[in-house]
Amino acid sequence: MAATAEQGRSFTTFLIGLTVACVGMAAFSTGLGKILLVVGLIIFVASLFSFLKIKPREGAVPENASPTVMKIIGAFLAALGWAITLLGMHVVDGTRGRIALALVGITASLLGMIVVLPAAFNKHAIWKA
């Protein structure tokens, strides 16, 4: 959700560029797919420059700095859970083992996303001042 019309335009351009680039990647084997990929990437980059152009007018960020180590640990746990789930399919042959590794991976991801990351971002939240 954008706070100003210019932010809304930039975000809409970002979504359109990303969508067109994804369509281009999906149909990359055709000539139109390659054209769509290039056009989508150009629109995507234009939206990023638009974001950078309006960034100085946003003002100061109302949040205090959060602990960086906890953010990294939370993101690592989320990615690790995803990797365990995906790589478990190639390592284990049996269904029970795959289900077990998928549950371990989902648990690790949820631990990172629901426990560690919120704790990192809420440590210095503005409503706790």
Protein backbone atom coordinates (compact mmCIF):
# COMPACT_ATOMS: atom_id res chain seq x y z
CA MET A 1 0.00 0.00 0.00
CA ALA A 2 1.44 3.31 -1.01
CA ALA A 3 1.27 6.51 1.00
CA THR A 4 1.46 8.84 -2.01
CA ALA A 5 0.35 8.65 -5.63
CA GLU A 6 3.96 8.58 -6.81
CA GLN A 7 4.72 5.60 -4.58
CA GLY A 8 1.63 3.88 -5.94
CA ARG A 9 2.74 4.47 -9.53
CA SER A 10 6.22 3.18 -8.75
CA PHE A 11 4.84 0.08 -7.08
CA THR A 12 2.41 -0.59 -9.95
CA THR A 13 5.26 -0.22 -12.44
CA PHE A 14 7.34 -2.61 -10.32
CA LEU A 15 4.59 -5.25 -10.36
CA ILE A 16 3.95 -4.87 -14.09
CA GLY A 17 7.65 -5.13 -14.92
CA LEU A 18 8.08 -8.18 -12.70
CA THR A 19 5.02 -9.87 -14.23
CA VAL A 20 6.10 -9.20 -17.81
CA ALA A 21 9.63 -10.45 -17.04
CA CYS A 22 8.21 -13.65 -15.52
CA VAL A 23 6.03 -14.22 -18.60
CA GLY A 24 9.11 -13.69 -20.74
CA MET A 25 11.06 -16.26 -18.71
CA ALA A 26 8.23 -18.75 -18.99
CA ALA A 27 8.10 -18.39 -22.78
CA PHE A 28 11.85 -17.81 -23.26
CA SER A 29 12.17 -20.38 -26.05
CA THR A 30 10.06 -18.21 -28.37
CA GLY A 31 11.04 -14.91 -29.90
CA LEU A 32 8.19 -13.11 -28.15
CA GLY A 33 9.33 -14.55 -24.83
CA LYS A 34 12.78 -13.04 -25.22
CA ILE A 35 11.28 -9.68 -26.13
CA LEU A 36 8.92 -9.80 -23.13
CA LEU A 37 11.82 -10.67 -20.81
CA VAL A 38 13.86 -7.68 -21.98
CA VAL A 39 10.86 -5.31 -21.86
CA GLY A 40 9.91 -6.58 -18.40
CA LEU A 41 13.43 -6.11 -17.09
CA ILE A 42 13.55 -2.57 -18.50
CA ILE A 43 10.24 -1.71 -16.80
CA PHE A 44 11.46 -3.36 -13.59
CA VAL A 45 14.71 -1.34 -13.55
CA ALA A 46 12.77 1.85 -14.35
CA SER A 47 10.56 1.23 -11.32
CA LEU A 48 13.62 0.77 -9.11
CA PHE A 49 15.00 4.13 -10.28
CA SER A 50 11.59 5.64 -9.59
CA PHE A 51 11.75 4.29 -6.03
CA LEU A 52 15.22 5.75 -5.57
CA LYS A 53 14.05 9.12 -6.90
CA ILE A 54 11.26 9.46 -4.32
CA LYS A 55 13.22 7.99 -1.40
CA PRO A 56 14.71 11.34 -0.20
CA ARG A 57 11.22 12.85 0.12
CA GLU A 58 9.98 10.15 2.51
CA GLY A 59 11.70 11.58 5.56
CA ALA A 60 13.25 9.80 8.50
CA VAL A 61 12.37 6.21 9.29
CA PRO A 62 10.30 6.09 12.50
CA GLU A 63 11.85 2.84 13.72
CA ASN A 64 14.95 2.30 15.75
CA ALA A 65 17.61 -0.08 14.50
CA SER A 66 16.96 -3.75 15.22
CA PRO A 67 19.56 -6.37 16.05
CA THR A 68 21.16 -7.41 12.77
CA VAL A 69 22.36 -10.80 14.03
CA MET A 70 18.83 -11.90 14.91
CA LYS A 71 17.60 -10.83 11.46
CA ILE A 72 20.33 -12.88 9.81
CA ILE A 73 19.59 -15.91 12.00
CA GLY A 74 15.86 -15.68 11.23
CA ALA A 75 16.44 -15.38 7.49
CA PHE A 76 18.97 -18.23 7.63
CA LEU A 77 16.50 -20.49 9.45
CA ALA A 78 13.77 -19.72 6.93
CA ALA A 79 16.11 -20.50 4.02
CA LEU A 80 17.52 -23.57 5.76
CA GLY A 81 14.04 -25.01 6.25
CA TRP A 82 13.31 -24.49 2.57
CA ALA A 83 16.60 -26.17 1.61
CA ILE A 84 15.98 -29.14 3.93
CA THR A 85 12.56 -29.67 2.41
CA LEU A 86 13.76 -29.48 -1.19
CA LEU A 87 17.01 -31.38 -0.78
CA GLY A 88 15.31 -34.06 1.32
CA MET A 89 13.44 -35.24 -1.76
CA HIS A 90 16.74 -36.02 -3.50
CA VAL A 91 18.51 -37.56 -0.51
CA VAL A 92 15.82 -39.90 0.85
CA ASP A 93 14.03 -42.49 -1.29
CA GLY A 94 11.20 -43.54 1.04
CA THR A 95 7.97 -41.65 1.54
CA ARG A 96 8.22 -41.67 5.34
CA GLY A 97 11.71 -40.17 5.25
CA ARG A 98 10.63 -37.49 2.80
CA ILE A 99 7.65 -36.58 4.96
CA ALA A 100 9.88 -36.44 8.05
CA LEU A 101 12.42 -34.17 6.33
CA ALA A 102 9.63 -31.99 4.96
CA LEU A 103 8.23 -31.56 8.46
CA VAL A 104 11.70 -30.73 9.83
CA GLY A 105 12.15 -28.18 7.05
CA ILE A 106 8.74 -26.62 7.61
CA THR A 107 9.44 -26.44 11.34
CA ALA A 108 12.78 -24.71 10.77
CA SER A 109 11.19 -22.20 8.38
CA LEU A 110 8.34 -21.44 10.73
CA LEU A 111 10.74 -21.08 13.65
CA GLY A 112 12.68 -18.48 11.69
CA MET A 113 9.62 -16.63 10.40
CA ILE A 114 7.31 -16.77 13.42
CA VAL A 115 9.71 -16.74 16.37
CA VAL A 116 13.10 -15.23 15.51
CA LEU A 117 12.25 -12.53 12.95
CA PRO A 118 9.36 -10.96 14.89
CA ALA A 119 11.50 -10.95 18.03
CA ALA A 120 14.25 -9.14 16.11
CA PHE A 121 11.95 -6.51 14.66
CA ASN A 122 9.88 -5.96 17.81
CA LYS A 123 12.88 -5.52 20.10
CA HIS A 124 13.06 -1.77 19.42
CA ALA A 125 9.55 -1.17 18.09
CA ILE A 126 8.28 2.41 18.14
CA TRP A 127 5.24 1.51 20.25
CA LYS A 128 7.55 0.27 23.05
CA ALA A 129 9.25 3.64 23.51
